[in-house]
Amino acid sequence: GKDGKSILDRMNSYGQCEGETGEYLGYGYIEGAALVARMAIDEGVAGKEGRKYIFDKDLLVVGVACGPHKTYRIMCAVDFVHSYKENPDIR
C-alpha cells in the first residue's frame, strides 16, 4: 500500500493469517461479478495472477475492499489466504 504496509500487515491488523496468501488488484470495475470474471479469464495478463489465486484450492478465505482511484475511478483489492481468524475486538 501507499503507507508501506504489506498484504500481511494489512490482514494481520484485523486478525491472524495462516498459510499461503495472495492479492489481486482490479481497476475500474464497478460490479464485483465483472471483476471476478476478469480474474478467471485473465486474458493478456502476464503471470495470470487472478486465475492463479481464484482457482487455488489452498486459498480458502477471501476479502475484498474497493475505493476511489485517481486514474481508474475505482480500485478493488482482493486478498486471499488459506485461513484467517478475525480479531473479535476490532469492529
N, C-alpha and C. Protein backbone atom coordinates (compact mmCIF):
# COMPACT_ATOMS: atom_id res chain seq x y z
N GLY A 1 0.80 -1.19 0.00
CA GLY A 1 0.00 0.00 0.00
C GLY A 1 0.85 1.26 0.00
N LYS A 2 0.23 2.38 -0.23
CA LYS A 2 0.98 3.63 -0.26
C LYS A 2 1.53 4.01 1.10
N ASP A 3 1.03 3.35 2.16
CA ASP A 3 1.56 3.60 3.50
C ASP A 3 2.73 2.67 3.82
N GLY A 4 3.13 1.83 2.86
CA GLY A 4 4.27 0.94 3.04
C GLY A 4 3.92 -0.40 3.67
N LYS A 5 2.65 -0.63 4.00
CA LYS A 5 2.24 -1.89 4.60
C LYS A 5 2.08 -2.97 3.53
N SER A 6 2.46 -4.19 3.90
CA SER A 6 2.30 -5.33 3.00
C SER A 6 0.90 -5.92 3.16
N ILE A 7 0.59 -6.87 2.32
CA ILE A 7 -0.70 -7.57 2.41
C ILE A 7 -0.85 -8.21 3.79
N LEU A 8 0.21 -8.83 4.29
CA LEU A 8 0.15 -9.46 5.61
C LEU A 8 -0.02 -8.43 6.72
N ASP A 9 0.65 -7.29 6.61
CA ASP A 9 0.48 -6.22 7.59
C ASP A 9 -0.98 -5.81 7.68
N ARG A 10 -1.60 -5.60 6.51
CA ARG A 10 -2.99 -5.16 6.47
C ARG A 10 -3.93 -6.22 7.03
N MET A 11 -3.75 -7.47 6.60
CA MET A 11 -4.62 -8.54 7.09
C MET A 11 -4.46 -8.78 8.59
N ASN A 12 -3.23 -8.79 9.06
CA ASN A 12 -2.97 -9.09 10.47
C ASN A 12 -3.36 -7.95 11.40
N SER A 13 -3.67 -6.78 10.86
CA SER A 13 -4.13 -5.70 11.73
C SER A 13 -5.58 -5.94 12.17
N TYR A 14 -6.27 -6.89 11.53
CA TYR A 14 -7.66 -7.20 11.87
C TYR A 14 -7.84 -8.61 12.41
N GLY A 15 -6.80 -9.43 12.35
CA GLY A 15 -6.89 -10.81 12.79
C GLY A 15 -5.57 -11.52 12.54
N GLN A 16 -5.61 -12.83 12.39
CA GLN A 16 -4.39 -13.61 12.21
C GLN A 16 -4.50 -14.50 10.97
N CYS A 17 -3.56 -14.33 10.04
CA CYS A 17 -3.49 -15.14 8.82
C CYS A 17 -2.62 -16.35 9.06
N GLU A 18 -2.97 -17.44 8.40
CA GLU A 18 -2.13 -18.63 8.42
C GLU A 18 -2.07 -19.20 7.01
N GLY A 19 -0.87 -19.60 6.60
CA GLY A 19 -0.68 -20.24 5.31
C GLY A 19 -0.44 -19.25 4.18
N GLU A 20 -0.63 -19.76 2.99
CA GLU A 20 -0.38 -19.01 1.76
C GLU A 20 -1.31 -17.80 1.65
N THR A 21 -0.79 -16.72 1.06
CA THR A 21 -1.61 -15.53 0.81
C THR A 21 -1.40 -15.06 -0.63
N GLY A 22 -2.30 -14.24 -1.10
CA GLY A 22 -2.18 -13.64 -2.43
C GLY A 22 -3.06 -12.42 -2.52
N GLU A 23 -2.75 -11.57 -3.47
CA GLU A 23 -3.56 -10.35 -3.65
C GLU A 23 -3.70 -10.05 -5.13
N TYR A 24 -4.91 -9.66 -5.52
CA TYR A 24 -5.19 -9.26 -6.89
C TYR A 24 -5.79 -7.86 -6.84
N LEU A 25 -5.29 -6.97 -7.66
CA LEU A 25 -5.80 -5.60 -7.73
C LEU A 25 -6.54 -5.41 -9.04
N GLY A 26 -7.77 -4.93 -8.94
CA GLY A 26 -8.59 -4.67 -10.12
C GLY A 26 -8.91 -3.19 -10.19
N TYR A 27 -8.82 -2.64 -11.38
CA TYR A 27 -9.02 -1.20 -11.58
C TYR A 27 -10.19 -0.95 -12.52
N GLY A 28 -11.07 -0.03 -12.13
CA GLY A 28 -12.15 0.42 -13.00
C GLY A 28 -13.41 -0.42 -12.97
N TYR A 29 -13.49 -1.43 -12.13
CA TYR A 29 -14.67 -2.29 -12.08
C TYR A 29 -15.66 -1.77 -11.03
N ILE A 30 -16.91 -1.63 -11.46
CA ILE A 30 -17.94 -1.17 -10.55
C ILE A 30 -18.68 -2.37 -9.95
N GLU A 31 -18.85 -3.42 -10.74
CA GLU A 31 -19.57 -4.61 -10.29
C GLU A 31 -18.60 -5.74 -9.95
N GLY A 32 -18.85 -6.37 -8.81
CA GLY A 32 -18.00 -7.46 -8.36
C GLY A 32 -17.95 -8.61 -9.34
N ALA A 33 -19.08 -8.93 -9.97
CA ALA A 33 -19.13 -10.05 -10.92
C ALA A 33 -18.19 -9.81 -12.10
N ALA A 34 -18.08 -8.59 -12.55
CA ALA A 34 -17.17 -8.27 -13.66
C ALA A 34 -15.72 -8.46 -13.25
N LEU A 35 -15.40 -8.09 -12.04
CA LEU A 35 -14.03 -8.26 -11.54
C LEU A 35 -13.69 -9.74 -11.39
N VAL A 36 -14.61 -10.53 -10.85
CA VAL A 36 -14.37 -11.97 -10.70
C VAL A 36 -14.22 -12.63 -12.06
N ALA A 37 -15.03 -12.23 -13.03
CA ALA A 37 -14.90 -12.78 -14.39
C ALA A 37 -13.54 -12.43 -14.97
N ARG A 38 -13.09 -11.21 -14.76
CA ARG A 38 -11.77 -10.78 -15.24
C ARG A 38 -10.66 -11.62 -14.60
N MET A 39 -10.80 -11.90 -13.33
CA MET A 39 -9.80 -12.71 -12.64
C MET A 39 -9.76 -14.13 -13.22
N ALA A 40 -10.92 -14.70 -13.50
CA ALA A 40 -10.98 -16.07 -14.01
C ALA A 40 -10.43 -16.17 -15.43
N ILE A 41 -10.68 -15.15 -16.24
CA ILE A 41 -10.23 -15.16 -17.63
C ILE A 41 -8.77 -14.74 -17.74
N ASP A 42 -8.42 -13.62 -17.12
CA ASP A 42 -7.05 -13.09 -17.10
C ASP A 42 -6.39 -13.02 -18.47
N GLU A 43 -7.17 -12.74 -19.50
CA GLU A 43 -6.64 -12.64 -20.85
C GLU A 43 -5.65 -11.49 -20.97
N GLY A 44 -4.49 -11.77 -21.51
CA GLY A 44 -3.48 -10.74 -21.73
C GLY A 44 -2.73 -10.31 -20.49
N VAL A 45 -2.89 -11.02 -19.39
CA VAL A 45 -2.23 -10.65 -18.14
C VAL A 45 -1.03 -11.57 -17.92
N ALA A 46 0.15 -10.99 -17.85
CA ALA A 46 1.36 -11.77 -17.60
C ALA A 46 1.28 -12.43 -16.24
N GLY A 47 1.62 -13.70 -16.15
CA GLY A 47 1.63 -14.41 -14.87
C GLY A 47 0.27 -14.95 -14.45
N LYS A 48 -0.81 -14.48 -15.09
CA LYS A 48 -2.16 -14.96 -14.78
C LYS A 48 -2.44 -14.96 -13.27
N GLU A 49 -2.08 -13.87 -12.59
CA GLU A 49 -2.23 -13.79 -11.13
C GLU A 49 -3.66 -14.02 -10.66
N GLY A 50 -4.63 -13.40 -11.32
CA GLY A 50 -6.02 -13.56 -10.89
C GLY A 50 -6.47 -15.00 -10.98
N ARG A 51 -6.17 -15.63 -12.08
CA ARG A 51 -6.55 -17.04 -12.28
C ARG A 51 -5.85 -17.92 -11.24
N LYS A 52 -4.58 -17.63 -11.00
CA LYS A 52 -3.81 -18.41 -10.03
C LYS A 52 -4.48 -18.36 -8.66
N TYR A 53 -4.90 -17.19 -8.22
CA TYR A 53 -5.48 -17.05 -6.89
C TYR A 53 -6.90 -17.59 -6.80
N ILE A 54 -7.72 -17.28 -7.77
CA ILE A 54 -9.14 -17.63 -7.66
C ILE A 54 -9.37 -19.14 -7.75
N PHE A 55 -8.46 -19.87 -8.40
CA PHE A 55 -8.62 -21.31 -8.54
C PHE A 55 -7.67 -22.12 -7.65
N ASP A 56 -6.95 -21.46 -6.76
CA ASP A 56 -6.03 -22.15 -5.86
C ASP A 56 -6.82 -22.83 -4.74
N LYS A 57 -6.75 -24.16 -4.68
CA LYS A 57 -7.54 -24.92 -3.70
C LYS A 57 -7.09 -24.68 -2.26
N ASP A 58 -5.91 -24.10 -2.06
CA ASP A 58 -5.42 -23.84 -0.71
C ASP A 58 -5.79 -22.45 -0.19
N LEU A 59 -6.28 -21.58 -1.04
CA LEU A 59 -6.70 -20.24 -0.62
C LEU A 59 -8.20 -20.28 -0.36
N LEU A 60 -8.57 -20.41 0.90
CA LEU A 60 -9.95 -20.69 1.28
C LEU A 60 -10.74 -19.48 1.75
N VAL A 61 -10.05 -18.39 2.07
CA VAL A 61 -10.71 -17.19 2.59
C VAL A 61 -10.38 -16.01 1.68
N VAL A 62 -11.38 -15.19 1.40
CA VAL A 62 -11.16 -14.03 0.55
C VAL A 62 -11.80 -12.80 1.19
N GLY A 63 -11.12 -11.66 1.02
CA GLY A 63 -11.64 -10.39 1.48
C GLY A 63 -11.50 -9.37 0.36
N VAL A 64 -12.47 -8.49 0.23
CA VAL A 64 -12.46 -7.51 -0.85
C VAL A 64 -12.72 -6.12 -0.28
N ALA A 65 -11.94 -5.17 -0.75
CA ALA A 65 -12.18 -3.76 -0.39
C ALA A 65 -12.03 -2.93 -1.66
N CYS A 66 -12.94 -2.00 -1.87
CA CYS A 66 -12.90 -1.13 -3.04
C CYS A 66 -12.96 0.32 -2.60
N GLY A 67 -12.37 1.17 -3.40
CA GLY A 67 -12.38 2.60 -3.09
C GLY A 67 -12.00 3.42 -4.30
N PRO A 68 -12.01 4.73 -4.14
CA PRO A 68 -11.71 5.63 -5.27
C PRO A 68 -10.25 5.54 -5.71
N HIS A 69 -10.04 5.78 -7.00
CA HIS A 69 -8.70 5.79 -7.58
C HIS A 69 -8.61 7.00 -8.50
N LYS A 70 -7.49 7.71 -8.45
CA LYS A 70 -7.32 8.94 -9.24
C LYS A 70 -7.46 8.72 -10.73
N THR A 71 -6.87 7.67 -11.25
CA THR A 71 -6.85 7.44 -12.70
C THR A 71 -8.00 6.56 -13.17
N TYR A 72 -8.27 5.47 -12.46
CA TYR A 72 -9.23 4.47 -12.92
C TYR A 72 -10.59 4.56 -12.26
N ARG A 73 -10.81 5.58 -11.49
CA ARG A 73 -12.07 5.86 -10.80
C ARG A 73 -12.31 4.95 -9.61
N ILE A 74 -12.15 3.63 -9.80
CA ILE A 74 -12.36 2.67 -8.71
C ILE A 74 -11.24 1.64 -8.73
N MET A 75 -10.80 1.23 -7.55
CA MET A 75 -9.81 0.18 -7.42
C MET A 75 -10.29 -0.80 -6.36
N CYS A 76 -10.15 -2.10 -6.64
CA CYS A 76 -10.52 -3.13 -5.66
C CYS A 76 -9.30 -3.99 -5.36
N ALA A 77 -9.09 -4.25 -4.09
CA ALA A 77 -8.06 -5.18 -3.65
C ALA A 77 -8.77 -6.45 -3.19
N VAL A 78 -8.38 -7.57 -3.78
CA VAL A 78 -8.95 -8.86 -3.43
C VAL A 78 -7.83 -9.67 -2.77
N ASP A 79 -7.97 -9.92 -1.49
CA ASP A 79 -6.93 -10.62 -0.73
C ASP A 79 -7.38 -12.05 -0.42
N PHE A 80 -6.47 -12.98 -0.62
CA PHE A 80 -6.72 -14.40 -0.42
C PHE A 80 -5.77 -14.93 0.65
N VAL A 81 -6.25 -15.89 1.45
CA VAL A 81 -5.41 -16.52 2.46
C VAL A 81 -5.96 -17.93 2.74
N HIS A 82 -5.08 -18.80 3.18
CA HIS A 82 -5.52 -20.17 3.48
C HIS A 82 -6.49 -20.19 4.65
N SER A 83 -6.13 -19.58 5.77
CA SER A 83 -7.06 -19.49 6.90
C SER A 83 -6.88 -18.15 7.60
N TYR A 84 -7.95 -17.72 8.25
CA TYR A 84 -7.94 -16.40 8.88
C TYR A 84 -8.83 -16.44 10.11
N LYS A 85 -8.30 -15.95 11.20
CA LYS A 85 -9.09 -15.85 12.44
C LYS A 85 -9.24 -14.37 12.75
N GLU A 86 -10.47 -13.89 12.67
CA GLU A 86 -10.76 -12.47 12.92
C GLU A 86 -10.56 -12.13 14.38
N ASN A 87 -10.02 -10.95 14.63
CA ASN A 87 -9.88 -10.44 15.98
C ASN A 87 -11.25 -9.90 16.42
N PRO A 88 -11.88 -10.51 17.42
CA PRO A 88 -13.23 -10.09 17.81
C PRO A 88 -13.28 -8.70 18.44
N ASP A 89 -12.13 -8.17 18.85
CA ASP A 89 -12.09 -6.85 19.48
C ASP A 89 -12.12 -5.72 18.46
N ILE A 90 -11.94 -6.03 17.19
CA ILE A 90 -11.90 -4.99 16.15
C ILE A 90 -13.19 -5.02 15.36
N ARG A 91 -13.87 -3.92 15.34
CA ARG A 91 -15.12 -3.79 14.56
C ARG A 91 -15.20 -2.39 14.05
